[in-house]
N, C-alpha and C. Protein backbone atom coordinates (compact mmCIF):
# COMPACT_ATOMS: atom_id res chain seq x y z
N MET A 1 13.04 46.60 105.88
CA MET A 1 12.22 47.81 105.80
C MET A 1 10.93 47.53 105.04
N ARG A 2 9.90 48.30 105.38
CA ARG A 2 8.64 48.12 104.68
C ARG A 2 8.75 48.64 103.26
N GLU A 3 8.06 47.99 102.35
CA GLU A 3 8.06 48.42 100.96
C GLU A 3 6.81 49.25 100.67
N THR A 4 6.31 49.95 101.66
CA THR A 4 5.14 50.81 101.50
C THR A 4 5.39 52.11 102.24
N ASP A 5 4.67 53.16 101.82
CA ASP A 5 4.79 54.45 102.50
C ASP A 5 3.89 54.53 103.71
N ASP A 6 3.05 53.53 103.93
CA ASP A 6 2.15 53.55 105.09
C ASP A 6 2.90 52.99 106.29
N LEU A 7 3.25 53.86 107.23
CA LEU A 7 4.05 53.45 108.39
C LEU A 7 3.19 53.20 109.62
N GLN A 8 1.88 53.10 109.41
CA GLN A 8 0.97 52.89 110.53
C GLN A 8 1.08 51.46 111.05
N SER A 9 0.97 51.33 112.36
CA SER A 9 0.85 50.03 113.02
C SER A 9 -0.19 50.18 114.12
N GLU A 10 -0.55 49.07 114.72
CA GLU A 10 -1.49 49.16 115.83
C GLU A 10 -0.91 50.00 116.97
N ARG A 11 0.40 49.98 117.10
CA ARG A 11 1.04 50.75 118.18
C ARG A 11 1.11 52.24 117.86
N THR A 12 1.15 52.61 116.59
CA THR A 12 1.28 54.03 116.25
C THR A 12 -0.03 54.65 115.79
N ARG A 13 -1.08 53.86 115.67
CA ARG A 13 -2.37 54.41 115.23
C ARG A 13 -2.91 55.38 116.27
N LEU A 14 -3.32 56.57 115.81
CA LEU A 14 -3.82 57.60 116.71
C LEU A 14 -5.22 57.26 117.19
N ARG A 15 -5.43 57.39 118.49
CA ARG A 15 -6.76 57.21 119.08
C ARG A 15 -7.42 58.55 119.36
N ARG A 16 -6.65 59.52 119.78
CA ARG A 16 -7.17 60.84 120.12
C ARG A 16 -7.01 61.75 118.90
N PHE A 17 -8.11 62.34 118.43
CA PHE A 17 -8.12 63.16 117.21
C PHE A 17 -7.46 62.41 116.04
N PRO A 18 -8.00 61.26 115.67
CA PRO A 18 -7.37 60.46 114.61
C PRO A 18 -7.29 61.18 113.27
N LYS A 19 -8.18 62.16 113.04
CA LYS A 19 -8.13 62.89 111.76
C LYS A 19 -6.86 63.73 111.63
N ARG A 20 -6.20 63.97 112.73
CA ARG A 20 -4.94 64.71 112.68
C ARG A 20 -3.75 63.80 112.36
N GLY A 21 -3.99 62.52 112.26
CA GLY A 21 -2.91 61.57 112.05
C GLY A 21 -2.49 61.46 110.60
N HIS A 22 -1.21 61.24 110.40
CA HIS A 22 -0.63 61.01 109.07
C HIS A 22 0.38 59.87 109.21
N TYR A 23 0.38 59.00 108.22
CA TYR A 23 1.25 57.82 108.28
C TYR A 23 2.10 57.67 107.03
N ASP A 24 2.02 58.63 106.12
CA ASP A 24 2.80 58.55 104.88
C ASP A 24 4.22 59.03 105.14
N ARG A 25 5.15 58.42 104.43
CA ARG A 25 6.57 58.71 104.64
C ARG A 25 6.90 60.16 104.32
N ALA A 26 6.28 60.75 103.30
CA ALA A 26 6.62 62.12 102.92
C ALA A 26 6.32 63.10 104.05
N THR A 27 5.15 62.96 104.68
CA THR A 27 4.80 63.85 105.79
C THR A 27 5.72 63.64 106.98
N ILE A 28 5.96 62.39 107.31
CA ILE A 28 6.82 62.07 108.46
C ILE A 28 8.25 62.55 108.22
N ASP A 29 8.78 62.32 107.02
CA ASP A 29 10.13 62.78 106.71
C ASP A 29 10.24 64.30 106.80
N ALA A 30 9.23 65.02 106.31
CA ALA A 30 9.28 66.48 106.33
C ALA A 30 9.33 67.02 107.75
N ILE A 31 8.57 66.42 108.65
CA ILE A 31 8.58 66.87 110.05
C ILE A 31 9.92 66.53 110.70
N LEU A 32 10.43 65.34 110.43
CA LEU A 32 11.74 64.97 110.98
C LEU A 32 12.83 65.90 110.47
N ASP A 33 12.79 66.22 109.18
CA ASP A 33 13.84 67.04 108.58
C ASP A 33 13.81 68.48 109.08
N ALA A 34 12.68 68.92 109.60
CA ALA A 34 12.57 70.29 110.11
C ALA A 34 13.15 70.43 111.50
N GLY A 35 13.55 69.33 112.13
CA GLY A 35 14.02 69.37 113.50
C GLY A 35 15.50 69.08 113.64
N ILE A 36 15.99 69.31 114.84
CA ILE A 36 17.39 69.05 115.20
C ILE A 36 17.47 68.18 116.45
N VAL A 37 16.56 68.39 117.40
CA VAL A 37 16.57 67.69 118.67
C VAL A 37 15.34 66.80 118.79
N CYS A 38 15.55 65.57 119.21
CA CYS A 38 14.45 64.65 119.48
C CYS A 38 14.47 64.28 120.96
N HIS A 39 13.45 63.56 121.39
CA HIS A 39 13.44 62.96 122.72
C HIS A 39 13.44 61.44 122.54
N LEU A 40 14.44 60.82 123.13
CA LEU A 40 14.69 59.39 122.99
C LEU A 40 14.21 58.68 124.25
N GLY A 41 13.20 57.84 124.10
CA GLY A 41 12.64 57.14 125.25
C GLY A 41 12.97 55.65 125.23
N PHE A 42 13.25 55.10 126.40
CA PHE A 42 13.52 53.67 126.54
C PHE A 42 13.34 53.30 128.02
N VAL A 43 13.22 52.02 128.29
CA VAL A 43 13.12 51.52 129.66
C VAL A 43 14.34 50.66 129.94
N HIS A 44 15.09 51.03 130.97
CA HIS A 44 16.32 50.32 131.31
C HIS A 44 16.23 49.85 132.76
N GLU A 45 16.30 48.53 132.94
CA GLU A 45 16.22 47.92 134.27
C GLU A 45 14.98 48.40 135.03
N GLY A 46 13.87 48.48 134.31
CA GLY A 46 12.59 48.84 134.91
C GLY A 46 12.35 50.32 135.08
N GLN A 47 13.33 51.16 134.76
CA GLN A 47 13.21 52.60 134.93
C GLN A 47 13.04 53.28 133.56
N PRO A 48 11.94 54.02 133.34
CA PRO A 48 11.79 54.76 132.09
C PRO A 48 12.74 55.96 132.05
N PHE A 49 13.30 56.22 130.87
CA PHE A 49 14.13 57.40 130.64
C PHE A 49 13.67 58.07 129.35
N VAL A 50 13.71 59.39 129.33
CA VAL A 50 13.47 60.17 128.12
C VAL A 50 14.60 61.19 128.03
N ILE A 51 15.43 61.06 126.99
CA ILE A 51 16.66 61.84 126.88
C ILE A 51 16.58 62.74 125.66
N PRO A 52 16.77 64.06 125.82
CA PRO A 52 16.87 64.93 124.64
C PRO A 52 18.22 64.73 123.97
N THR A 53 18.22 64.61 122.66
CA THR A 53 19.47 64.39 121.94
C THR A 53 19.30 64.84 120.49
N ALA A 54 20.41 65.15 119.85
CA ALA A 54 20.38 65.51 118.44
C ALA A 54 20.15 64.27 117.59
N TYR A 55 19.62 64.48 116.41
CA TYR A 55 19.37 63.38 115.48
C TYR A 55 19.46 63.90 114.06
N ALA A 56 19.51 62.99 113.13
CA ALA A 56 19.44 63.34 111.71
C ALA A 56 18.78 62.19 110.97
N ARG A 57 17.94 62.53 110.00
CA ARG A 57 17.35 61.50 109.14
C ARG A 57 18.22 61.34 107.91
N ILE A 58 18.65 60.12 107.66
CA ILE A 58 19.38 59.78 106.45
C ILE A 58 18.59 58.68 105.75
N GLY A 59 17.91 59.03 104.67
CA GLY A 59 17.09 58.05 103.99
C GLY A 59 15.94 57.59 104.86
N ASP A 60 15.81 56.28 105.04
CA ASP A 60 14.71 55.73 105.83
C ASP A 60 15.16 55.32 107.23
N ARG A 61 16.19 56.01 107.74
CA ARG A 61 16.68 55.72 109.09
C ARG A 61 16.99 57.01 109.83
N LEU A 62 16.89 56.94 111.16
CA LEU A 62 17.36 58.02 112.01
C LEU A 62 18.75 57.68 112.52
N LEU A 63 19.62 58.68 112.52
CA LEU A 63 20.94 58.53 113.10
C LEU A 63 20.95 59.16 114.49
N LEU A 64 21.46 58.42 115.46
CA LEU A 64 21.65 58.90 116.83
C LEU A 64 23.09 58.61 117.22
N HIS A 65 23.65 59.47 118.05
CA HIS A 65 25.02 59.18 118.49
C HIS A 65 25.24 59.77 119.88
N GLY A 66 26.26 59.25 120.55
CA GLY A 66 26.59 59.73 121.88
C GLY A 66 27.83 59.03 122.39
N SER A 67 28.22 59.40 123.59
CA SER A 67 29.38 58.77 124.21
C SER A 67 29.15 57.27 124.39
N ALA A 68 30.18 56.50 124.10
CA ALA A 68 30.07 55.05 124.28
C ALA A 68 29.84 54.69 125.74
N ALA A 69 30.11 55.62 126.65
CA ALA A 69 29.91 55.36 128.08
C ALA A 69 28.52 55.74 128.56
N SER A 70 27.71 56.34 127.70
CA SER A 70 26.40 56.83 128.16
C SER A 70 25.43 55.68 128.37
N ARG A 71 24.54 55.86 129.33
CA ARG A 71 23.55 54.82 129.64
C ARG A 71 22.64 54.57 128.45
N ALA A 72 22.21 55.64 127.78
CA ALA A 72 21.28 55.49 126.66
C ALA A 72 21.91 54.67 125.55
N MET A 73 23.16 54.99 125.18
CA MET A 73 23.81 54.27 124.10
C MET A 73 24.02 52.80 124.47
N ARG A 74 24.46 52.55 125.69
CA ARG A 74 24.69 51.17 126.12
C ARG A 74 23.39 50.37 126.13
N ALA A 75 22.31 51.01 126.59
CA ALA A 75 21.03 50.31 126.66
C ALA A 75 20.51 49.97 125.27
N LEU A 76 20.59 50.93 124.35
CA LEU A 76 20.04 50.69 123.02
C LEU A 76 20.92 49.74 122.21
N GLU A 77 22.22 49.74 122.48
CA GLU A 77 23.10 48.76 121.84
C GLU A 77 22.69 47.34 122.22
N GLY A 78 22.10 47.20 123.39
CA GLY A 78 21.68 45.89 123.85
C GLY A 78 20.37 45.41 123.27
N GLY A 79 19.77 46.20 122.36
CA GLY A 79 18.56 45.77 121.68
C GLY A 79 17.26 46.17 122.35
N LEU A 80 17.30 47.12 123.29
CA LEU A 80 16.07 47.58 123.92
C LEU A 80 15.20 48.33 122.92
N PRO A 81 13.88 48.16 122.96
CA PRO A 81 13.00 48.96 122.11
C PRO A 81 13.13 50.44 122.45
N ALA A 82 13.03 51.28 121.43
CA ALA A 82 13.17 52.72 121.61
C ALA A 82 11.96 53.43 121.04
N CYS A 83 11.71 54.62 121.58
CA CYS A 83 10.67 55.51 121.07
C CYS A 83 11.30 56.88 120.89
N VAL A 84 11.27 57.39 119.66
CA VAL A 84 11.82 58.71 119.36
C VAL A 84 10.66 59.64 119.01
N THR A 85 10.63 60.81 119.64
CA THR A 85 9.59 61.79 119.34
C THR A 85 10.23 63.11 118.93
N VAL A 86 9.59 63.78 117.98
CA VAL A 86 10.00 65.11 117.52
C VAL A 86 8.76 65.98 117.49
N THR A 87 8.85 67.19 118.04
CA THR A 87 7.71 68.10 118.07
C THR A 87 8.14 69.49 117.67
N HIS A 88 7.33 70.13 116.83
CA HIS A 88 7.50 71.55 116.48
C HIS A 88 6.25 72.29 116.92
N VAL A 89 6.41 73.31 117.74
CA VAL A 89 5.29 74.15 118.14
C VAL A 89 5.21 75.31 117.15
N ASP A 90 4.11 75.38 116.41
CA ASP A 90 3.94 76.39 115.37
C ASP A 90 3.13 77.58 115.83
N GLY A 91 2.50 77.49 117.00
CA GLY A 91 1.74 78.63 117.49
C GLY A 91 0.89 78.28 118.69
N ILE A 92 0.53 79.32 119.47
CA ILE A 92 -0.43 79.17 120.55
C ILE A 92 -1.81 79.52 120.00
N VAL A 93 -2.76 78.65 120.23
CA VAL A 93 -4.14 78.87 119.78
C VAL A 93 -4.93 79.44 120.95
N LEU A 94 -5.32 80.71 120.84
CA LEU A 94 -6.06 81.40 121.90
C LEU A 94 -7.54 81.39 121.56
N ALA A 95 -8.29 80.63 122.32
CA ALA A 95 -9.72 80.49 122.07
C ALA A 95 -10.52 81.43 122.98
N ARG A 96 -11.82 81.45 122.76
CA ARG A 96 -12.71 82.28 123.59
C ARG A 96 -13.00 81.63 124.94
N THR A 97 -12.77 80.34 125.03
CA THR A 97 -12.95 79.62 126.29
C THR A 97 -11.61 79.03 126.71
N ALA A 98 -11.40 78.95 128.02
CA ALA A 98 -10.15 78.37 128.51
C ALA A 98 -10.00 76.93 128.04
N PHE A 99 -11.11 76.20 127.97
CA PHE A 99 -11.07 74.78 127.61
C PHE A 99 -10.56 74.56 126.19
N ASN A 100 -10.86 75.49 125.28
CA ASN A 100 -10.52 75.30 123.87
C ASN A 100 -9.13 75.82 123.50
N HIS A 101 -8.39 76.38 124.46
CA HIS A 101 -7.03 76.80 124.13
C HIS A 101 -6.20 75.59 123.70
N SER A 102 -5.26 75.82 122.79
CA SER A 102 -4.49 74.70 122.25
C SER A 102 -3.18 75.22 121.67
N PHE A 103 -2.50 74.35 120.98
CA PHE A 103 -1.30 74.69 120.23
C PHE A 103 -1.46 74.19 118.80
N ASN A 104 -0.90 74.91 117.86
CA ASN A 104 -0.67 74.35 116.54
C ASN A 104 0.71 73.69 116.56
N TYR A 105 0.79 72.49 116.02
CA TYR A 105 2.02 71.72 116.15
C TYR A 105 2.13 70.69 115.04
N ARG A 106 3.35 70.19 114.88
CA ARG A 106 3.64 69.03 114.04
C ARG A 106 4.50 68.09 114.88
N SER A 107 4.13 66.84 114.94
CA SER A 107 4.89 65.90 115.76
C SER A 107 4.99 64.55 115.07
N VAL A 108 6.04 63.81 115.44
CA VAL A 108 6.27 62.46 114.91
C VAL A 108 6.68 61.55 116.06
N VAL A 109 6.18 60.33 116.02
CA VAL A 109 6.61 59.26 116.93
C VAL A 109 7.16 58.12 116.07
N VAL A 110 8.37 57.67 116.39
CA VAL A 110 8.99 56.53 115.70
C VAL A 110 9.29 55.45 116.73
N LEU A 111 8.86 54.23 116.46
CA LEU A 111 9.13 53.09 117.33
C LEU A 111 10.06 52.11 116.62
N GLY A 112 10.94 51.48 117.38
CA GLY A 112 11.81 50.49 116.75
C GLY A 112 12.95 50.06 117.64
N VAL A 113 13.82 49.25 117.07
CA VAL A 113 15.02 48.77 117.74
C VAL A 113 16.22 49.25 116.93
N ALA A 114 17.17 49.88 117.61
CA ALA A 114 18.32 50.47 116.93
C ALA A 114 19.39 49.42 116.62
N THR A 115 20.18 49.73 115.60
CA THR A 115 21.33 48.90 115.22
C THR A 115 22.60 49.72 115.39
N THR A 116 23.63 49.10 115.92
CA THR A 116 24.90 49.79 116.15
C THR A 116 25.75 49.78 114.88
N VAL A 117 26.35 50.92 114.55
CA VAL A 117 27.31 51.01 113.46
C VAL A 117 28.68 50.66 114.04
N GLU A 118 29.24 49.53 113.64
CA GLU A 118 30.47 49.02 114.26
C GLU A 118 31.73 49.43 113.52
N ASP A 119 31.74 49.29 112.20
CA ASP A 119 32.94 49.56 111.41
C ASP A 119 33.33 51.03 111.50
N LEU A 120 34.63 51.31 111.70
CA LEU A 120 35.06 52.70 111.89
C LEU A 120 34.81 53.55 110.65
N ASP A 121 35.03 52.99 109.46
CA ASP A 121 34.77 53.75 108.24
C ASP A 121 33.29 54.05 108.09
N ASP A 122 32.45 53.06 108.39
CA ASP A 122 31.00 53.29 108.32
C ASP A 122 30.57 54.32 109.37
N LYS A 123 31.20 54.25 110.53
CA LYS A 123 30.86 55.21 111.59
C LYS A 123 31.26 56.63 111.18
N ARG A 124 32.44 56.75 110.59
CA ARG A 124 32.90 58.07 110.12
C ARG A 124 31.95 58.61 109.06
N GLU A 125 31.52 57.77 108.15
CA GLU A 125 30.60 58.22 107.10
C GLU A 125 29.25 58.59 107.69
N ALA A 126 28.79 57.85 108.69
CA ALA A 126 27.53 58.18 109.34
C ALA A 126 27.61 59.54 110.04
N LEU A 127 28.73 59.81 110.70
CA LEU A 127 28.90 61.09 111.38
C LEU A 127 29.04 62.23 110.38
N ARG A 128 29.64 61.94 109.24
CA ARG A 128 29.69 62.96 108.18
C ARG A 128 28.27 63.30 107.72
N GLY A 129 27.46 62.27 107.47
CA GLY A 129 26.08 62.51 107.07
C GLY A 129 25.29 63.25 108.13
N PHE A 130 25.54 62.91 109.39
CA PHE A 130 24.87 63.58 110.50
C PHE A 130 25.22 65.07 110.51
N THR A 131 26.51 65.37 110.41
CA THR A 131 26.96 66.76 110.44
C THR A 131 26.41 67.54 109.26
N GLU A 132 26.44 66.94 108.08
CA GLU A 132 25.96 67.64 106.89
C GLU A 132 24.46 67.85 106.92
N ARG A 133 23.74 66.98 107.59
CA ARG A 133 22.29 67.17 107.72
C ARG A 133 21.99 68.34 108.65
N ILE A 134 22.78 68.49 109.72
CA ILE A 134 22.55 69.57 110.67
C ILE A 134 23.05 70.90 110.11
N VAL A 135 24.28 70.92 109.59
CA VAL A 135 24.87 72.14 109.03
C VAL A 135 25.53 71.78 107.71
N PRO A 136 24.79 71.86 106.60
CA PRO A 136 25.36 71.49 105.30
C PRO A 136 26.61 72.31 104.97
N GLY A 137 27.67 71.61 104.57
CA GLY A 137 28.92 72.26 104.22
C GLY A 137 29.95 72.28 105.32
N ARG A 138 29.58 71.88 106.53
CA ARG A 138 30.49 72.02 107.67
C ARG A 138 31.60 70.97 107.69
N TRP A 139 31.29 69.75 107.26
CA TRP A 139 32.22 68.63 107.44
C TRP A 139 33.58 68.90 106.82
N ASN A 140 33.61 69.46 105.63
CA ASN A 140 34.88 69.67 104.93
C ASN A 140 35.70 70.81 105.52
N ASP A 141 35.11 71.61 106.41
CA ASP A 141 35.83 72.73 107.00
C ASP A 141 36.55 72.36 108.30
N VAL A 142 36.26 71.21 108.86
CA VAL A 142 36.79 70.89 110.19
C VAL A 142 37.65 69.63 110.16
N ARG A 143 38.41 69.43 111.23
CA ARG A 143 39.20 68.21 111.34
C ARG A 143 38.27 67.02 111.53
N PRO A 144 38.43 65.97 110.75
CA PRO A 144 37.56 64.79 110.93
C PRO A 144 37.91 64.07 112.23
N PRO A 145 37.00 63.24 112.73
CA PRO A 145 37.28 62.52 113.97
C PRO A 145 38.43 61.54 113.82
N THR A 146 39.21 61.43 114.86
CA THR A 146 40.30 60.45 114.89
C THR A 146 39.74 59.07 115.19
N ALA A 147 40.59 58.06 115.01
CA ALA A 147 40.16 56.69 115.33
C ALA A 147 39.79 56.56 116.80
N GLN A 148 40.55 57.23 117.66
CA GLN A 148 40.25 57.19 119.10
C GLN A 148 38.89 57.83 119.39
N GLU A 149 38.61 58.96 118.73
CA GLU A 149 37.32 59.63 118.93
C GLU A 149 36.17 58.78 118.41
N LEU A 150 36.40 58.10 117.30
CA LEU A 150 35.37 57.22 116.75
C LEU A 150 35.07 56.06 117.70
N ARG A 151 36.12 55.51 118.29
CA ARG A 151 35.90 54.40 119.23
C ARG A 151 35.19 54.86 120.50
N ALA A 152 35.33 56.14 120.84
CA ALA A 152 34.67 56.68 122.03
C ALA A 152 33.23 57.10 121.76
N THR A 153 32.80 56.96 120.51
CA THR A 153 31.47 57.40 120.11
C THR A 153 30.64 56.20 119.66
N THR A 154 29.43 56.11 120.14
CA THR A 154 28.48 55.10 119.65
C THR A 154 27.56 55.75 118.64
N VAL A 155 27.41 55.11 117.49
CA VAL A 155 26.49 55.58 116.46
C VAL A 155 25.42 54.51 116.26
N LEU A 156 24.17 54.92 116.33
CA LEU A 156 23.04 54.01 116.18
C LEU A 156 22.19 54.44 115.00
N THR A 157 21.59 53.47 114.32
CA THR A 157 20.59 53.77 113.30
C THR A 157 19.27 53.14 113.73
N LEU A 158 18.22 53.90 113.58
CA LEU A 158 16.88 53.43 113.93
C LEU A 158 16.01 53.46 112.69
N PRO A 159 15.48 52.31 112.25
CA PRO A 159 14.66 52.29 111.04
C PRO A 159 13.36 53.07 111.22
N ILE A 160 12.99 53.81 110.19
CA ILE A 160 11.71 54.54 110.22
C ILE A 160 10.70 53.69 109.46
N ASP A 161 10.22 52.63 110.09
CA ASP A 161 9.23 51.78 109.43
C ASP A 161 8.00 51.52 110.30
N GLU A 162 7.95 52.16 111.47
CA GLU A 162 6.76 52.11 112.32
C GLU A 162 6.65 53.48 112.97
N ALA A 163 5.77 54.32 112.42
CA ALA A 163 5.76 55.72 112.84
C ALA A 163 4.40 56.34 112.58
N SER A 164 4.21 57.50 113.20
CA SER A 164 3.01 58.30 112.93
C SER A 164 3.36 59.77 113.09
N ALA A 165 2.60 60.61 112.39
CA ALA A 165 2.70 62.06 112.56
C ALA A 165 1.34 62.57 113.01
N LYS A 166 1.37 63.65 113.77
CA LYS A 166 0.14 64.29 114.21
C LYS A 166 0.30 65.79 114.02
N ILE A 167 -0.70 66.41 113.37
CA ILE A 167 -0.61 67.82 113.01
C ILE A 167 -1.89 68.53 113.43
N ARG A 168 -1.72 69.65 114.12
CA ARG A 168 -2.85 70.52 114.42
C ARG A 168 -2.53 71.88 113.81
N GLU A 169 -3.44 72.42 113.02
CA GLU A 169 -3.25 73.72 112.40
C GLU A 169 -4.59 74.44 112.32
N GLY A 170 -4.53 75.75 112.13
CA GLY A 170 -5.75 76.51 111.97
C GLY A 170 -6.18 77.26 113.22
N PRO A 171 -7.35 77.90 113.15
CA PRO A 171 -7.84 78.76 114.23
C PRO A 171 -8.43 77.96 115.39
N PRO A 172 -8.90 78.66 116.43
CA PRO A 172 -9.52 77.97 117.57
C PRO A 172 -10.74 77.17 117.15
N GLY A 173 -11.07 76.18 117.97
CA GLY A 173 -12.22 75.32 117.68
C GLY A 173 -13.49 75.74 118.38
N ASP A 174 -13.65 77.03 118.66
CA ASP A 174 -14.87 77.51 119.31
C ASP A 174 -16.08 77.26 118.42
N GLU A 175 -17.20 76.93 119.05
CA GLU A 175 -18.43 76.64 118.31
C GLU A 175 -19.64 77.18 119.06
N GLY A 176 -20.73 77.37 118.32
CA GLY A 176 -22.03 77.71 118.93
C GLY A 176 -21.97 78.95 119.78
N ASP A 177 -22.50 78.84 121.01
CA ASP A 177 -22.56 79.98 121.92
C ASP A 177 -21.18 80.49 122.31
N GLU A 178 -20.17 79.65 122.17
CA GLU A 178 -18.81 80.09 122.52
C GLU A 178 -18.37 81.27 121.66
N LEU A 179 -18.88 81.34 120.44
CA LEU A 179 -18.49 82.42 119.53
C LEU A 179 -19.03 83.77 119.97
N GLU A 180 -20.00 83.79 120.87
CA GLU A 180 -20.59 85.04 121.33
C GLU A 180 -19.75 85.70 122.43
N PHE A 181 -18.85 84.96 123.06
CA PHE A 181 -18.06 85.53 124.15
C PHE A 181 -17.03 86.49 123.57
N ARG A 182 -17.01 87.74 124.12
CA ARG A 182 -16.21 88.80 123.52
C ARG A 182 -14.79 88.82 124.11
N ALA A 183 -14.03 87.82 123.71
CA ALA A 183 -12.59 87.77 124.01
C ALA A 183 -11.84 87.62 122.70
N TRP A 184 -10.66 88.23 122.62
CA TRP A 184 -9.87 88.08 121.40
C TRP A 184 -9.54 86.61 121.20
N ALA A 185 -9.63 86.16 119.97
CA ALA A 185 -9.32 84.77 119.64
C ALA A 185 -8.49 84.73 118.37
N GLY A 186 -7.59 83.78 118.29
CA GLY A 186 -6.74 83.64 117.12
C GLY A 186 -5.51 82.82 117.44
N VAL A 187 -4.47 83.01 116.64
CA VAL A 187 -3.25 82.22 116.76
C VAL A 187 -2.05 83.16 116.89
N VAL A 188 -1.17 82.87 117.83
CA VAL A 188 0.12 83.56 117.94
C VAL A 188 1.17 82.63 117.33
N PRO A 189 1.65 82.91 116.11
CA PRO A 189 2.56 81.98 115.44
C PRO A 189 3.93 81.94 116.11
N PHE A 190 4.54 80.76 116.07
CA PHE A 190 5.91 80.55 116.53
C PHE A 190 6.75 80.12 115.34
N GLU A 191 8.08 80.41 115.42
CA GLU A 191 8.99 79.98 114.37
C GLU A 191 10.39 79.81 114.95
N LEU A 192 11.02 78.69 114.64
CA LEU A 192 12.42 78.48 115.01
C LEU A 192 13.29 79.20 114.00
N CYS A 193 14.21 80.02 114.50
CA CYS A 193 15.04 80.81 113.59
C CYS A 193 16.48 80.82 114.07
N ALA A 194 17.38 81.25 113.20
CA ALA A 194 18.79 81.43 113.55
C ALA A 194 19.04 82.91 113.84
N ARG A 195 20.01 83.18 114.69
CA ARG A 195 20.45 84.54 114.98
C ARG A 195 21.83 84.74 114.36
N PRO A 196 22.28 85.99 114.24
CA PRO A 196 23.63 86.22 113.69
C PRO A 196 24.69 85.45 114.47
N PRO A 197 25.65 84.84 113.77
CA PRO A 197 26.66 84.01 114.44
C PRO A 197 27.57 84.84 115.35
N ILE A 198 28.03 84.21 116.43
CA ILE A 198 28.94 84.83 117.40
C ILE A 198 30.27 84.10 117.32
N PRO A 199 31.33 84.74 116.83
CA PRO A 199 32.60 84.03 116.68
C PRO A 199 33.25 83.72 118.02
N ASP A 200 33.99 82.62 118.05
CA ASP A 200 34.79 82.26 119.22
C ASP A 200 35.80 83.39 119.47
N PRO A 201 35.92 83.90 120.70
CA PRO A 201 36.88 84.98 120.95
C PRO A 201 38.32 84.57 120.68
N ARG A 202 38.60 83.28 120.60
CA ARG A 202 39.97 82.82 120.30
C ARG A 202 40.19 82.59 118.81
N LEU A 203 39.19 82.90 117.99
CA LEU A 203 39.29 82.66 116.55
C LEU A 203 40.34 83.57 115.92
N ALA A 204 41.14 83.00 115.03
CA ALA A 204 42.11 83.82 114.29
C ALA A 204 41.36 84.87 113.47
N PRO A 205 41.83 86.12 113.50
CA PRO A 205 41.08 87.20 112.85
C PRO A 205 40.96 87.08 111.34
N ASP A 206 41.81 86.28 110.71
CA ASP A 206 41.76 86.16 109.26
C ASP A 206 40.84 85.04 108.78
N ILE A 207 40.13 84.38 109.70
CA ILE A 207 39.21 83.31 109.30
C ILE A 207 37.82 83.91 109.13
N PRO A 208 37.27 83.90 107.91
CA PRO A 208 35.96 84.52 107.68
C PRO A 208 34.82 83.63 108.19
N THR A 209 33.70 84.24 108.44
CA THR A 209 32.50 83.49 108.82
C THR A 209 31.95 82.78 107.59
N PRO A 210 31.75 81.46 107.65
CA PRO A 210 31.27 80.74 106.47
C PRO A 210 29.83 81.09 106.13
N LYS A 211 29.47 80.87 104.88
CA LYS A 211 28.13 81.20 104.42
C LYS A 211 27.06 80.42 105.18
N TYR A 212 27.34 79.16 105.51
CA TYR A 212 26.32 78.35 106.20
C TYR A 212 26.06 78.83 107.62
N ALA A 213 26.99 79.62 108.19
CA ALA A 213 26.74 80.22 109.50
C ALA A 213 26.01 81.55 109.37
N LEU A 214 26.29 82.28 108.29
CA LEU A 214 25.62 83.56 108.06
C LEU A 214 24.17 83.37 107.64
N ALA A 215 23.91 82.31 106.91
CA ALA A 215 22.54 82.03 106.45
C ALA A 215 22.34 80.53 106.47
N HIS A 216 21.89 80.02 107.61
CA HIS A 216 21.69 78.58 107.74
C HIS A 216 20.64 78.13 106.73
N PRO A 217 20.94 77.10 105.94
CA PRO A 217 20.01 76.70 104.86
C PRO A 217 18.68 76.15 105.36
N ARG A 218 18.59 75.81 106.65
CA ARG A 218 17.34 75.22 107.15
C ARG A 218 16.56 76.16 108.07
N LEU A 219 17.18 77.28 108.48
CA LEU A 219 16.54 78.16 109.44
C LEU A 219 16.60 79.60 108.95
N PRO A 220 15.49 80.35 109.01
CA PRO A 220 15.53 81.76 108.64
C PRO A 220 16.37 82.55 109.64
N LEU A 221 17.08 83.56 109.14
CA LEU A 221 17.92 84.40 110.00
C LEU A 221 17.11 85.56 110.53
N ARG A 222 17.19 85.79 111.83
CA ARG A 222 16.52 86.92 112.46
C ARG A 222 17.57 87.76 113.18
N GLU A 223 17.53 89.06 112.95
CA GLU A 223 18.49 89.97 113.60
C GLU A 223 18.17 90.10 115.09
């Protein structure tokens, strides 16, 4: 791993709107931690694939997991280079001109080669960390994975040592004569939120809804 917070490389350096680029670990980690789903890109036998999948950041690595039979897991176990992207849309930017319309967003690109977690105890601990990152407090409430389930699951770690973040925020970029056009302009904010939990209809009636489901620690609750 790099011993610096600068994760920029020639491959991750922004060419388009470079002033929106960030390469420090704190910014990149914050964007990664705000998400749940990434897009995992790789090329297998000459065919590009981009797969949506859950992820979790644990320290300076991303955790990915899936069925041991899946094409993505088998390909990445073989040492293929991977590209992981995470994007949060924070709002629609409505400008006075069609050309200047945009989005406010935060995004991260991570490049690297994944490593397979082989040992069953290490795999179990990785999945515990994954679960606790997504829903803190959940792991101790559920049955842990069996040895058979662990063998059926591939767990990969991807180092976060070559990455970039790109952030767009603020009002429309209208300038000059564009400001004279009488159309409403501004930002329509977006926010990812949780809704009230829906219990399984087969749930025993004496099992209460846990606090982490009533108020997810990472997402605001909206009625």
